[in-house]
Amino acid sequence: KQGVRIPPLAAWAAPVRGPGQGSSKPKAMSDKQIAELQALVLYRDA
C-alpha cells in the first residue's frame, strides 16, 4: 500500500501493462501460434 511516485519517463521506457489491461490474446500472434505455444507447457499451477 505504499505509493511509488513515477515521473514522466523517457519514451523508450514503456511500462508493463497491469492485470486486466488489454486482451490476453497478443495481437501479433495467430490462434495457431498461441495454441503451439500453449502446447509447450509441461507443468502449470496457480
ModelCIF file with pLDDT and N, C-alpha, C, O atoms, coordinates in Angstrom:
data_MODEL
#
_entry.id   MODEL 
#
_entity.id                         1 
_entity.type                       polymer 
_entity.pdbx_number_of_molecules   1 
#
_entity_poly.entity_id                      1 
_entity_poly.type                           'polypeptide(L)' 
_entity_poly.nstd_linkage                   no 
_entity_poly.nstd_monomer                   no 
_entity_poly.pdbx_seq_one_letter_code       KQGVRIPPLAAWAAPVRGPGQGSSKPKAMSDKQIAELQALVLYRDA 
_entity_poly.pdbx_seq_one_letter_code_can   KQGVRIPPLAAWAAPVRGPGQGSSKPKAMSDKQIAELQALVLYRDA 
_entity_poly.pdbx_strand_id                 A 
#
loop_
_entity_poly_seq.entity_id 
_entity_poly_seq.num 
_entity_poly_seq.mon_id 
_entity_poly_seq.hetero 
1 1  LYS n 
1 2  GLN n 
1 3  GLY n 
1 4  VAL n 
1 5  ARG n 
1 6  ILE n 
1 7  PRO n 
1 8  PRO n 
1 9  LEU n 
1 10 ALA n 
1 11 ALA n 
1 12 TRP n 
1 13 ALA n 
1 14 ALA n 
1 15 PRO n 
1 16 VAL n 
1 17 ARG n 
1 18 GLY n 
1 19 PRO n 
1 20 GLY n 
1 21 GLN n 
1 22 GLY n 
1 23 SER n 
1 24 SER n 
1 25 LYS n 
1 26 PRO n 
1 27 LYS n 
1 28 ALA n 
1 29 MET n 
1 30 SER n 
1 31 ASP n 
1 32 LYS n 
1 33 GLN n 
1 34 ILE n 
1 35 ALA n 
1 36 GLU n 
1 37 LEU n 
1 38 GLN n 
1 39 ALA n 
1 40 LEU n 
1 41 VAL n 
1 42 LEU n 
1 43 TYR n 
1 44 ARG n 
1 45 ASP n 
1 46 ALA n 
#
_struct_asym.id          A 
_struct_asym.entity_id   1 
#
loop_
_ma_qa_metric.id 
_ma_qa_metric.mode 
_ma_qa_metric.name 
_ma_qa_metric.software_group_id 
_ma_qa_metric.type 
1 global pLDDT . pLDDT 
2 local  pLDDT . pLDDT 
#
_ma_qa_metric_global.metric_id      1 
_ma_qa_metric_global.metric_value   75.37 
_ma_qa_metric_global.model_id       1 
_ma_qa_metric_global.ordinal_id     1 
#
loop_
_ma_qa_metric_local.label_asym_id 
_ma_qa_metric_local.label_comp_id 
_ma_qa_metric_local.label_seq_id 
_ma_qa_metric_local.metric_id 
_ma_qa_metric_local.metric_value 
_ma_qa_metric_local.model_id 
_ma_qa_metric_local.ordinal_id 
A LYS 1  2 87.00 1 1  
A GLN 2  2 91.00 1 2  
A GLY 3  2 91.00 1 3  
A VAL 4  2 94.00 1 4  
A ARG 5  2 93.00 1 5  
A ILE 6  2 91.00 1 6  
A PRO 7  2 91.00 1 7  
A PRO 8  2 88.00 1 8  
A LEU 9  2 84.00 1 9  
A ALA 10 2 78.00 1 10 
A ALA 11 2 69.00 1 11 
A TRP 12 2 67.00 1 12 
A ALA 13 2 68.00 1 13 
A ALA 14 2 61.00 1 14 
A PRO 15 2 63.00 1 15 
A VAL 16 2 54.00 1 16 
A ARG 17 2 48.00 1 17 
A GLY 18 2 46.00 1 18 
A PRO 19 2 40.00 1 19 
A GLY 20 2 37.00 1 20 
A GLN 21 2 38.00 1 21 
A GLY 22 2 37.00 1 22 
A SER 23 2 38.00 1 23 
A SER 24 2 41.00 1 24 
A LYS 25 2 43.00 1 25 
A PRO 26 2 45.00 1 26 
A LYS 27 2 51.00 1 27 
A ALA 28 2 66.00 1 28 
A MET 29 2 77.00 1 29 
A SER 30 2 85.00 1 30 
A ASP 31 2 88.00 1 31 
A LYS 32 2 91.00 1 32 
A GLN 33 2 89.00 1 33 
A ILE 34 2 91.00 1 34 
A ALA 35 2 93.00 1 35 
A GLU 36 2 94.00 1 36 
A LEU 37 2 93.00 1 37 
A GLN 38 2 95.00 1 38 
A ALA 39 2 96.00 1 39 
A LEU 40 2 97.00 1 40 
A VAL 41 2 97.00 1 41 
A LEU 42 2 98.00 1 42 
A TYR 43 2 97.00 1 43 
A ARG 44 2 97.00 1 44 
A ASP 45 2 95.00 1 45 
A ALA 46 2 94.00 1 46 
#
loop_
_atom_site.group_PDB 
_atom_site.id 
_atom_site.type_symbol 
_atom_site.label_atom_id 
_atom_site.label_alt_id 
_atom_site.label_comp_id 
_atom_site.label_asym_id 
_atom_site.label_entity_id 
_atom_site.label_seq_id 
_atom_site.pdbx_PDB_ins_code 
_atom_site.Cartn_x 
_atom_site.Cartn_y 
_atom_site.Cartn_z 
_atom_site.occupancy 
_atom_site.B_iso_or_equiv 
_atom_site.pdbx_formal_charge 
_atom_site.auth_seq_id 
_atom_site.auth_comp_id 
_atom_site.auth_asym_id 
_atom_site.auth_atom_id 
_atom_site.pdbx_PDB_model_num 
ATOM 1   N N  . LYS A 1 1  ? 0.804  -1.231  0.000   1.00 87.00 ? 1  LYS A N  1 
ATOM 2   C CA . LYS A 1 1  ? 0.000  0.000   0.000   1.00 87.00 ? 1  LYS A CA 1 
ATOM 3   C C  . LYS A 1 1  ? 0.835  1.279   0.000   1.00 87.00 ? 1  LYS A C  1 
ATOM 4   O O  . LYS A 1 1  ? 0.278  2.376   0.041   1.00 87.00 ? 1  LYS A O  1 
ATOM 5   N N  . GLN A 1 2  ? 2.174  1.153   -0.046  1.00 91.00 ? 2  GLN A N  1 
ATOM 6   C CA . GLN A 1 2  ? 2.980  2.357   -0.227  1.00 91.00 ? 2  GLN A CA 1 
ATOM 7   C C  . GLN A 1 2  ? 2.800  2.871   -1.657  1.00 91.00 ? 2  GLN A C  1 
ATOM 8   O O  . GLN A 1 2  ? 2.514  2.102   -2.575  1.00 91.00 ? 2  GLN A O  1 
ATOM 9   N N  . GLY A 1 3  ? 2.973  4.176   -1.827  1.00 91.00 ? 3  GLY A N  1 
ATOM 10  C CA . GLY A 1 3  ? 2.861  4.768   -3.147  1.00 91.00 ? 3  GLY A CA 1 
ATOM 11  C C  . GLY A 1 3  ? 4.223  5.097   -3.726  1.00 91.00 ? 3  GLY A C  1 
ATOM 12  O O  . GLY A 1 3  ? 5.025  5.772   -3.079  1.00 91.00 ? 3  GLY A O  1 
ATOM 13  N N  . VAL A 1 4  ? 4.495  4.630   -4.933  1.00 94.00 ? 4  VAL A N  1 
ATOM 14  C CA . VAL A 1 4  ? 5.759  4.913   -5.617  1.00 94.00 ? 4  VAL A CA 1 
ATOM 15  C C  . VAL A 1 4  ? 5.489  5.977   -6.679  1.00 94.00 ? 4  VAL A C  1 
ATOM 16  O O  . VAL A 1 4  ? 4.701  5.771   -7.602  1.00 94.00 ? 4  VAL A O  1 
ATOM 17  N N  . ARG A 1 5  ? 6.152  7.103   -6.529  1.00 93.00 ? 5  ARG A N  1 
ATOM 18  C CA . ARG A 1 5  ? 5.983  8.202   -7.485  1.00 93.00 ? 5  ARG A CA 1 
ATOM 19  C C  . ARG A 1 5  ? 6.796  7.928   -8.741  1.00 93.00 ? 5  ARG A C  1 
ATOM 20  O O  . ARG A 1 5  ? 8.007  7.722   -8.671  1.00 93.00 ? 5  ARG A O  1 
ATOM 21  N N  . ILE A 1 6  ? 6.127  7.927   -9.892  1.00 91.00 ? 6  ILE A N  1 
ATOM 22  C CA . ILE A 1 6  ? 6.769  7.684   -11.173 1.00 91.00 ? 6  ILE A CA 1 
ATOM 23  C C  . ILE A 1 6  ? 6.705  8.960   -12.001 1.00 91.00 ? 6  ILE A C  1 
ATOM 24  O O  . ILE A 1 6  ? 5.611  9.385   -12.370 1.00 91.00 ? 6  ILE A O  1 
ATOM 25  N N  . PRO A 1 7  ? 7.833  9.583   -12.304 1.00 91.00 ? 7  PRO A N  1 
ATOM 26  C CA . PRO A 1 7  ? 7.833  10.807  -13.106 1.00 91.00 ? 7  PRO A CA 1 
ATOM 27  C C  . PRO A 1 7  ? 7.626  10.478  -14.583 1.00 91.00 ? 7  PRO A C  1 
ATOM 28  O O  . PRO A 1 7  ? 7.653  9.304   -14.952 1.00 91.00 ? 7  PRO A O  1 
ATOM 29  N N  . PRO A 1 8  ? 7.423  11.472  -15.427 1.00 88.00 ? 8  PRO A N  1 
ATOM 30  C CA . PRO A 1 8  ? 7.411  11.217  -16.872 1.00 88.00 ? 8  PRO A CA 1 
ATOM 31  C C  . PRO A 1 8  ? 8.743  10.584  -17.281 1.00 88.00 ? 8  PRO A C  1 
ATOM 32  O O  . PRO A 1 8  ? 9.809  11.134  -17.005 1.00 88.00 ? 8  PRO A O  1 
ATOM 33  N N  . LEU A 1 9  ? 8.674  9.440   -17.933 1.00 84.00 ? 9  LEU A N  1 
ATOM 34  C CA . LEU A 1 9  ? 9.871  8.694   -18.300 1.00 84.00 ? 9  LEU A CA 1 
ATOM 35  C C  . LEU A 1 9  ? 10.231 8.905   -19.759 1.00 84.00 ? 9  LEU A C  1 
ATOM 36  O O  . LEU A 1 9  ? 9.422  9.385   -20.553 1.00 84.00 ? 9  LEU A O  1 
ATOM 37  N N  . ALA A 1 10 ? 11.444 8.541   -20.094 1.00 78.00 ? 10 ALA A N  1 
ATOM 38  C CA . ALA A 1 10 ? 11.879 8.592   -21.492 1.00 78.00 ? 10 ALA A CA 1 
ATOM 39  C C  . ALA A 1 10 ? 10.947 7.738   -22.345 1.00 78.00 ? 10 ALA A C  1 
ATOM 40  O O  . ALA A 1 10 ? 10.360 6.774   -21.852 1.00 78.00 ? 10 ALA A O  1 
ATOM 41  N N  . ALA A 1 11 ? 10.811 8.083   -23.597 1.00 69.00 ? 11 ALA A N  1 
ATOM 42  C CA . ALA A 1 11 ? 9.859  7.414   -24.480 1.00 69.00 ? 11 ALA A CA 1 
ATOM 43  C C  . ALA A 1 11 ? 10.135 5.915   -24.600 1.00 69.00 ? 11 ALA A C  1 
ATOM 44  O O  . ALA A 1 11 ? 9.209  5.132   -24.813 1.00 69.00 ? 11 ALA A O  1 
ATOM 45  N N  . TRP A 1 12 ? 11.403 5.506   -24.466 1.00 67.00 ? 12 TRP A N  1 
ATOM 46  C CA . TRP A 1 12 ? 11.743 4.095   -24.634 1.00 67.00 ? 12 TRP A CA 1 
ATOM 47  C C  . TRP A 1 12 ? 11.424 3.262   -23.400 1.00 67.00 ? 12 TRP A C  1 
ATOM 48  O O  . TRP A 1 12 ? 11.498 2.034   -23.460 1.00 67.00 ? 12 TRP A O  1 
ATOM 49  N N  . ALA A 1 13 ? 11.071 3.892   -22.287 1.00 68.00 ? 13 ALA A N  1 
ATOM 50  C CA . ALA A 1 13 ? 10.829 3.182   -21.032 1.00 68.00 ? 13 ALA A CA 1 
ATOM 51  C C  . ALA A 1 13 ? 9.341  2.876   -20.866 1.00 68.00 ? 13 ALA A C  1 
ATOM 52  O O  . ALA A 1 13 ? 8.701  3.365   -19.934 1.00 68.00 ? 13 ALA A O  1 
ATOM 53  N N  . ALA A 1 14 ? 8.807  2.083   -21.753 1.00 61.00 ? 14 ALA A N  1 
ATOM 54  C CA . ALA A 1 14 ? 7.381  1.782   -21.723 1.00 61.00 ? 14 ALA A CA 1 
ATOM 55  C C  . ALA A 1 14 ? 7.044  0.906   -20.519 1.00 61.00 ? 14 ALA A C  1 
ATOM 56  O O  . ALA A 1 14 ? 7.786  -0.024  -20.202 1.00 61.00 ? 14 ALA A O  1 
ATOM 57  N N  . PRO A 1 15 ? 5.928  1.198   -19.845 1.00 63.00 ? 15 PRO A N  1 
ATOM 58  C CA . PRO A 1 15 ? 5.549  0.391   -18.683 1.00 63.00 ? 15 PRO A CA 1 
ATOM 59  C C  . PRO A 1 15 ? 4.937  -0.941  -19.092 1.00 63.00 ? 15 PRO A C  1 
ATOM 60  O O  . PRO A 1 15 ? 4.459  -1.116  -20.213 1.00 63.00 ? 15 PRO A O  1 
ATOM 61  N N  . VAL A 1 16 ? 4.967  -1.869  -18.150 1.00 54.00 ? 16 VAL A N  1 
ATOM 62  C CA . VAL A 1 16 ? 4.289  -3.151  -18.344 1.00 54.00 ? 16 VAL A CA 1 
ATOM 63  C C  . VAL A 1 16 ? 2.812  -2.948  -18.076 1.00 54.00 ? 16 VAL A C  1 
ATOM 64  O O  . VAL A 1 16 ? 2.447  -2.294  -17.099 1.00 54.00 ? 16 VAL A O  1 
ATOM 65  N N  . ARG A 1 17 ? 1.954  -3.496  -18.925 1.00 48.00 ? 17 ARG A N  1 
ATOM 66  C CA . ARG A 1 17 ? 0.524  -3.376  -18.700 1.00 48.00 ? 17 ARG A CA 1 
ATOM 67  C C  . ARG A 1 17 ? 0.119  -4.215  -17.500 1.00 48.00 ? 17 ARG A C  1 
ATOM 68  O O  . ARG A 1 17 ? 0.568  -5.350  -17.344 1.00 48.00 ? 17 ARG A O  1 
ATOM 69  N N  . GLY A 1 18 ? -0.716 -3.658  -16.671 1.00 46.00 ? 18 GLY A N  1 
ATOM 70  C CA . GLY A 1 18 ? -1.152 -4.338  -15.460 1.00 46.00 ? 18 GLY A CA 1 
ATOM 71  C C  . GLY A 1 18 ? -2.214 -5.377  -15.734 1.00 46.00 ? 18 GLY A C  1 
ATOM 72  O O  . GLY A 1 18 ? -2.667 -5.519  -16.870 1.00 46.00 ? 18 GLY A O  1 
ATOM 73  N N  . PRO A 1 19 ? -2.628 -6.125  -14.683 1.00 40.00 ? 19 PRO A N  1 
ATOM 74  C CA . PRO A 1 19 ? -3.636 -7.158  -14.844 1.00 40.00 ? 19 PRO A CA 1 
ATOM 75  C C  . PRO A 1 19 ? -4.932 -6.578  -15.394 1.00 40.00 ? 19 PRO A C  1 
ATOM 76  O O  . PRO A 1 19 ? -5.385 -5.517  -14.965 1.00 40.00 ? 19 PRO A O  1 
ATOM 77  N N  . GLY A 1 20 ? -5.505 -7.272  -16.325 1.00 37.00 ? 20 GLY A N  1 
ATOM 78  C CA . GLY A 1 20 ? -6.787 -6.854  -16.854 1.00 37.00 ? 20 GLY A CA 1 
ATOM 79  C C  . GLY A 1 20 ? -6.717 -5.759  -17.876 1.00 37.00 ? 20 GLY A C  1 
ATOM 80  O O  . GLY A 1 20 ? -7.755 -5.374  -18.413 1.00 37.00 ? 20 GLY A O  1 
ATOM 81  N N  . GLN A 1 21 ? -5.548 -5.231  -18.179 1.00 38.00 ? 21 GLN A N  1 
ATOM 82  C CA . GLN A 1 21 ? -5.413 -4.156  -19.147 1.00 38.00 ? 21 GLN A CA 1 
ATOM 83  C C  . GLN A 1 21 ? -5.172 -4.753  -20.518 1.00 38.00 ? 21 GLN A C  1 
ATOM 84  O O  . GLN A 1 21 ? -4.127 -5.353  -20.772 1.00 38.00 ? 21 GLN A O  1 
ATOM 85  N N  . GLY A 1 22 ? -6.130 -4.589  -21.387 1.00 37.00 ? 22 GLY A N  1 
ATOM 86  C CA . GLY A 1 22 ? -5.969 -5.112  -22.735 1.00 37.00 ? 22 GLY A CA 1 
ATOM 87  C C  . GLY A 1 22 ? -6.344 -6.580  -22.812 1.00 37.00 ? 22 GLY A C  1 
ATOM 88  O O  . GLY A 1 22 ? -6.687 -7.197  -21.803 1.00 37.00 ? 22 GLY A O  1 
ATOM 89  N N  . SER A 1 23 ? -6.279 -7.127  -23.990 1.00 38.00 ? 23 SER A N  1 
ATOM 90  C CA . SER A 1 23 ? -6.666 -8.516  -24.223 1.00 38.00 ? 23 SER A CA 1 
ATOM 91  C C  . SER A 1 23 ? -5.560 -9.458  -23.811 1.00 38.00 ? 23 SER A C  1 
ATOM 92  O O  . SER A 1 23 ? -4.379 -9.115  -23.879 1.00 38.00 ? 23 SER A O  1 
ATOM 93  N N  . SER A 1 24 ? -5.949 -10.662 -23.377 1.00 41.00 ? 24 SER A N  1 
ATOM 94  C CA . SER A 1 24 ? -4.956 -11.680 -23.044 1.00 41.00 ? 24 SER A CA 1 
ATOM 95  C C  . SER A 1 24 ? -4.433 -12.362 -24.302 1.00 41.00 ? 24 SER A C  1 
ATOM 96  O O  . SER A 1 24 ? -3.541 -13.207 -24.221 1.00 41.00 ? 24 SER A O  1 
ATOM 97  N N  . LYS A 1 25 ? -4.969 -12.013 -25.447 1.00 43.00 ? 25 LYS A N  1 
ATOM 98  C CA . LYS A 1 25 ? -4.521 -12.584 -26.711 1.00 43.00 ? 25 LYS A CA 1 
ATOM 99  C C  . LYS A 1 25 ? -3.673 -11.578 -27.466 1.00 43.00 ? 25 LYS A C  1 
ATOM 100 O O  . LYS A 1 25 ? -4.208 -10.576 -27.940 1.00 43.00 ? 25 LYS A O  1 
ATOM 101 N N  . PRO A 1 26 ? -2.344 -11.805 -27.601 1.00 45.00 ? 26 PRO A N  1 
ATOM 102 C CA . PRO A 1 26 ? -1.479 -10.842 -28.268 1.00 45.00 ? 26 PRO A CA 1 
ATOM 103 C C  . PRO A 1 26 ? -1.919 -10.623 -29.713 1.00 45.00 ? 26 PRO A C  1 
ATOM 104 O O  . PRO A 1 26 ? -2.212 -11.584 -30.424 1.00 45.00 ? 26 PRO A O  1 
ATOM 105 N N  . LYS A 1 27 ? -1.967 -9.377  -30.146 1.00 51.00 ? 27 LYS A N  1 
ATOM 106 C CA . LYS A 1 27 ? -2.409 -9.062  -31.493 1.00 51.00 ? 27 LYS A CA 1 
ATOM 107 C C  . LYS A 1 27 ? -1.461 -9.637  -32.542 1.00 51.00 ? 27 LYS A C  1 
ATOM 108 O O  . LYS A 1 27 ? -1.891 -9.986  -33.642 1.00 51.00 ? 27 LYS A O  1 
ATOM 109 N N  . ALA A 1 28 ? -0.180 -9.738  -32.212 1.00 66.00 ? 28 ALA A N  1 
ATOM 110 C CA . ALA A 1 28 ? 0.806  -10.167 -33.209 1.00 66.00 ? 28 ALA A CA 1 
ATOM 111 C C  . ALA A 1 28 ? 0.808  -11.676 -33.414 1.00 66.00 ? 28 ALA A C  1 
ATOM 112 O O  . ALA A 1 28 ? 1.497  -12.172 -34.305 1.00 66.00 ? 28 ALA A O  1 
ATOM 113 N N  . MET A 1 29 ? 0.049  -12.417 -32.607 1.00 77.00 ? 29 MET A N  1 
ATOM 114 C CA . MET A 1 29 ? 0.064  -13.871 -32.690 1.00 77.00 ? 29 MET A CA 1 
ATOM 115 C C  . MET A 1 29 ? -1.274 -14.390 -33.203 1.00 77.00 ? 29 MET A C  1 
ATOM 116 O O  . MET A 1 29 ? -2.333 -13.903 -32.809 1.00 77.00 ? 29 MET A O  1 
ATOM 117 N N  . SER A 1 30 ? -1.215 -15.371 -34.076 1.00 85.00 ? 30 SER A N  1 
ATOM 118 C CA . SER A 1 30 ? -2.425 -16.007 -34.581 1.00 85.00 ? 30 SER A CA 1 
ATOM 119 C C  . SER A 1 30 ? -2.914 -17.037 -33.571 1.00 85.00 ? 30 SER A C  1 
ATOM 120 O O  . SER A 1 30 ? -2.188 -17.401 -32.646 1.00 85.00 ? 30 SER A O  1 
ATOM 121 N N  . ASP A 1 31 ? -4.150 -17.505 -33.750 1.00 88.00 ? 31 ASP A N  1 
ATOM 122 C CA . ASP A 1 31 ? -4.674 -18.546 -32.872 1.00 88.00 ? 31 ASP A CA 1 
ATOM 123 C C  . ASP A 1 31 ? -3.809 -19.803 -32.946 1.00 88.00 ? 31 ASP A C  1 
ATOM 124 O O  . ASP A 1 31 ? -3.612 -20.488 -31.942 1.00 88.00 ? 31 ASP A O  1 
ATOM 125 N N  . LYS A 1 32 ? -3.294 -20.103 -34.138 1.00 91.00 ? 32 LYS A N  1 
ATOM 126 C CA . LYS A 1 32 ? -2.438 -21.272 -34.307 1.00 91.00 ? 32 LYS A CA 1 
ATOM 127 C C  . LYS A 1 32 ? -1.136 -21.114 -33.522 1.00 91.00 ? 32 LYS A C  1 
ATOM 128 O O  . LYS A 1 32 ? -0.683 -22.059 -32.877 1.00 91.00 ? 32 LYS A O  1 
ATOM 129 N N  . GLN A 1 33 ? -0.534 -19.922 -33.575 1.00 89.00 ? 33 GLN A N  1 
ATOM 130 C CA . GLN A 1 33 ? 0.712  -19.675 -32.852 1.00 89.00 ? 33 GLN A CA 1 
ATOM 131 C C  . GLN A 1 33 ? 0.490  -19.757 -31.343 1.00 89.00 ? 33 GLN A C  1 
ATOM 132 O O  . GLN A 1 33 ? 1.324  -20.295 -30.614 1.00 89.00 ? 33 GLN A O  1 
ATOM 133 N N  . ILE A 1 34 ? -0.628 -19.227 -30.885 1.00 91.00 ? 34 ILE A N  1 
ATOM 134 C CA . ILE A 1 34 ? -0.938 -19.289 -29.459 1.00 91.00 ? 34 ILE A CA 1 
ATOM 135 C C  . ILE A 1 34 ? -1.114 -20.741 -29.021 1.00 91.00 ? 34 ILE A C  1 
ATOM 136 O O  . ILE A 1 34 ? -0.614 -21.141 -27.969 1.00 91.00 ? 34 ILE A O  1 
ATOM 137 N N  . ALA A 1 35 ? -1.819 -21.521 -29.822 1.00 93.00 ? 35 ALA A N  1 
ATOM 138 C CA . ALA A 1 35 ? -2.031 -22.937 -29.497 1.00 93.00 ? 35 ALA A CA 1 
ATOM 139 C C  . ALA A 1 35 ? -0.705 -23.689 -29.464 1.00 93.00 ? 35 ALA A C  1 
ATOM 140 O O  . ALA A 1 35 ? -0.499 -24.547 -28.605 1.00 93.00 ? 35 ALA A O  1 
ATOM 141 N N  . GLU A 1 36 ? 0.196  -23.372 -30.396 1.00 94.00 ? 36 GLU A N  1 
ATOM 142 C CA . GLU A 1 36 ? 1.504  -24.029 -30.439 1.00 94.00 ? 36 GLU A CA 1 
ATOM 143 C C  . GLU A 1 36 ? 2.326  -23.693 -29.201 1.00 94.00 ? 36 GLU A C  1 
ATOM 144 O O  . GLU A 1 36 ? 3.017  -24.552 -28.653 1.00 94.00 ? 36 GLU A O  1 
ATOM 145 N N  . LEU A 1 37 ? 2.247  -22.442 -28.765 1.00 93.00 ? 37 LEU A N  1 
ATOM 146 C CA . LEU A 1 37 ? 2.993  -22.037 -27.571 1.00 93.00 ? 37 LEU A CA 1 
ATOM 147 C C  . LEU A 1 37 ? 2.414  -22.708 -26.331 1.00 93.00 ? 37 LEU A C  1 
ATOM 148 O O  . LEU A 1 37 ? 3.165  -23.186 -25.480 1.00 93.00 ? 37 LEU A O  1 
ATOM 149 N N  . GLN A 1 38 ? 1.104  -22.749 -26.221 1.00 95.00 ? 38 GLN A N  1 
ATOM 150 C CA . GLN A 1 38 ? 0.474  -23.368 -25.064 1.00 95.00 ? 38 GLN A CA 1 
ATOM 151 C C  . GLN A 1 38 ? 0.730  -24.873 -25.032 1.00 95.00 ? 38 GLN A C  1 
ATOM 152 O O  . GLN A 1 38 ? 0.748  -25.481 -23.962 1.00 95.00 ? 38 GLN A O  1 
ATOM 153 N N  . ALA A 1 39 ? 0.927  -25.469 -26.206 1.00 96.00 ? 39 ALA A N  1 
ATOM 154 C CA . ALA A 1 39 ? 1.212  -26.910 -26.267 1.00 96.00 ? 39 ALA A CA 1 
ATOM 155 C C  . ALA A 1 39 ? 2.586  -27.247 -25.683 1.00 96.00 ? 39 ALA A C  1 
ATOM 156 O O  . ALA A 1 39 ? 2.875  -28.413 -25.413 1.00 96.00 ? 39 ALA A O  1 
ATOM 157 N N  . LEU A 1 40 ? 3.433  -26.234 -25.488 1.00 97.00 ? 40 LEU A N  1 
ATOM 158 C CA . LEU A 1 40 ? 4.762  -26.462 -24.922 1.00 97.00 ? 40 LEU A CA 1 
ATOM 159 C C  . LEU A 1 40 ? 4.741  -26.602 -23.401 1.00 97.00 ? 40 LEU A C  1 
ATOM 160 O O  . LEU A 1 40 ? 5.755  -26.954 -22.799 1.00 97.00 ? 40 LEU A O  1 
ATOM 161 N N  . VAL A 1 41 ? 3.590  -26.329 -22.775 1.00 97.00 ? 41 VAL A N  1 
ATOM 162 C CA . VAL A 1 41 ? 3.504  -26.347 -21.316 1.00 97.00 ? 41 VAL A CA 1 
ATOM 163 C C  . VAL A 1 41 ? 3.683  -27.765 -20.781 1.00 97.00 ? 41 VAL A C  1 
ATOM 164 O O  . VAL A 1 41 ? 3.003  -28.699 -21.205 1.00 97.00 ? 41 VAL A O  1 
ATOM 165 N N  . LEU A 1 42 ? 4.615  -27.900 -19.841 1.00 98.00 ? 42 LEU A N  1 
ATOM 166 C CA . LEU A 1 42 ? 4.890  -29.183 -19.194 1.00 98.00 ? 42 LEU A CA 1 
ATOM 167 C C  . LEU A 1 42 ? 4.237  -29.278 -17.822 1.00 98.00 ? 42 LEU A C  1 
ATOM 168 O O  . LEU A 1 42 ? 3.901  -30.367 -17.357 1.00 98.00 ? 42 LEU A O  1 
ATOM 169 N N  . TYR A 1 43 ? 4.061  -28.117 -17.172 1.00 97.00 ? 43 TYR A N  1 
ATOM 170 C CA . TYR A 1 43 ? 3.540  -28.076 -15.805 1.00 97.00 ? 43 TYR A CA 1 
ATOM 171 C C  . TYR A 1 43 ? 2.891  -26.716 -15.589 1.00 97.00 ? 43 TYR A C  1 
ATOM 172 O O  . TYR A 1 43 ? 3.385  -25.694 -16.066 1.00 97.00 ? 43 TYR A O  1 
ATOM 173 N N  . ARG A 1 44 ? 1.765  -26.719 -14.858 1.00 97.00 ? 44 ARG A N  1 
ATOM 174 C CA . ARG A 1 44 ? 1.108  -25.438 -14.550 1.00 97.00 ? 44 ARG A CA 1 
ATOM 175 C C  . ARG A 1 44 ? 0.333  -25.565 -13.256 1.00 97.00 ? 44 ARG A C  1 
ATOM 176 O O  . ARG A 1 44 ? -0.405 -26.529 -13.050 1.00 97.00 ? 44 ARG A O  1 
ATOM 177 N N  . ASP A 1 45 ? 0.508  -24.576 -12.378 1.00 95.00 ? 45 ASP A N  1 
ATOM 178 C CA . ASP A 1 45 ? -0.365 -24.434 -11.220 1.00 95.00 ? 45 ASP A CA 1 
ATOM 179 C C  . ASP A 1 45 ? -0.662 -22.948 -11.052 1.00 95.00 ? 45 ASP A C  1 
ATOM 180 O O  . ASP A 1 45 ? -0.407 -22.173 -11.974 1.00 95.00 ? 45 ASP A O  1 
ATOM 181 N N  . ALA A 1 46 ? -1.180 -22.534 -9.928  1.00 94.00 ? 46 ALA A N  1 
ATOM 182 C CA . ALA A 1 46 ? -1.599 -21.151 -9.757  1.00 94.00 ? 46 ALA A CA 1 
ATOM 183 C C  . ALA A 1 46 ? -0.435 -20.168 -9.736  1.00 94.00 ? 46 ALA A C  1 
ATOM 184 O O  . ALA A 1 46 ? -0.647 -18.963 -9.598  1.00 94.00 ? 46 ALA A O  1 
#
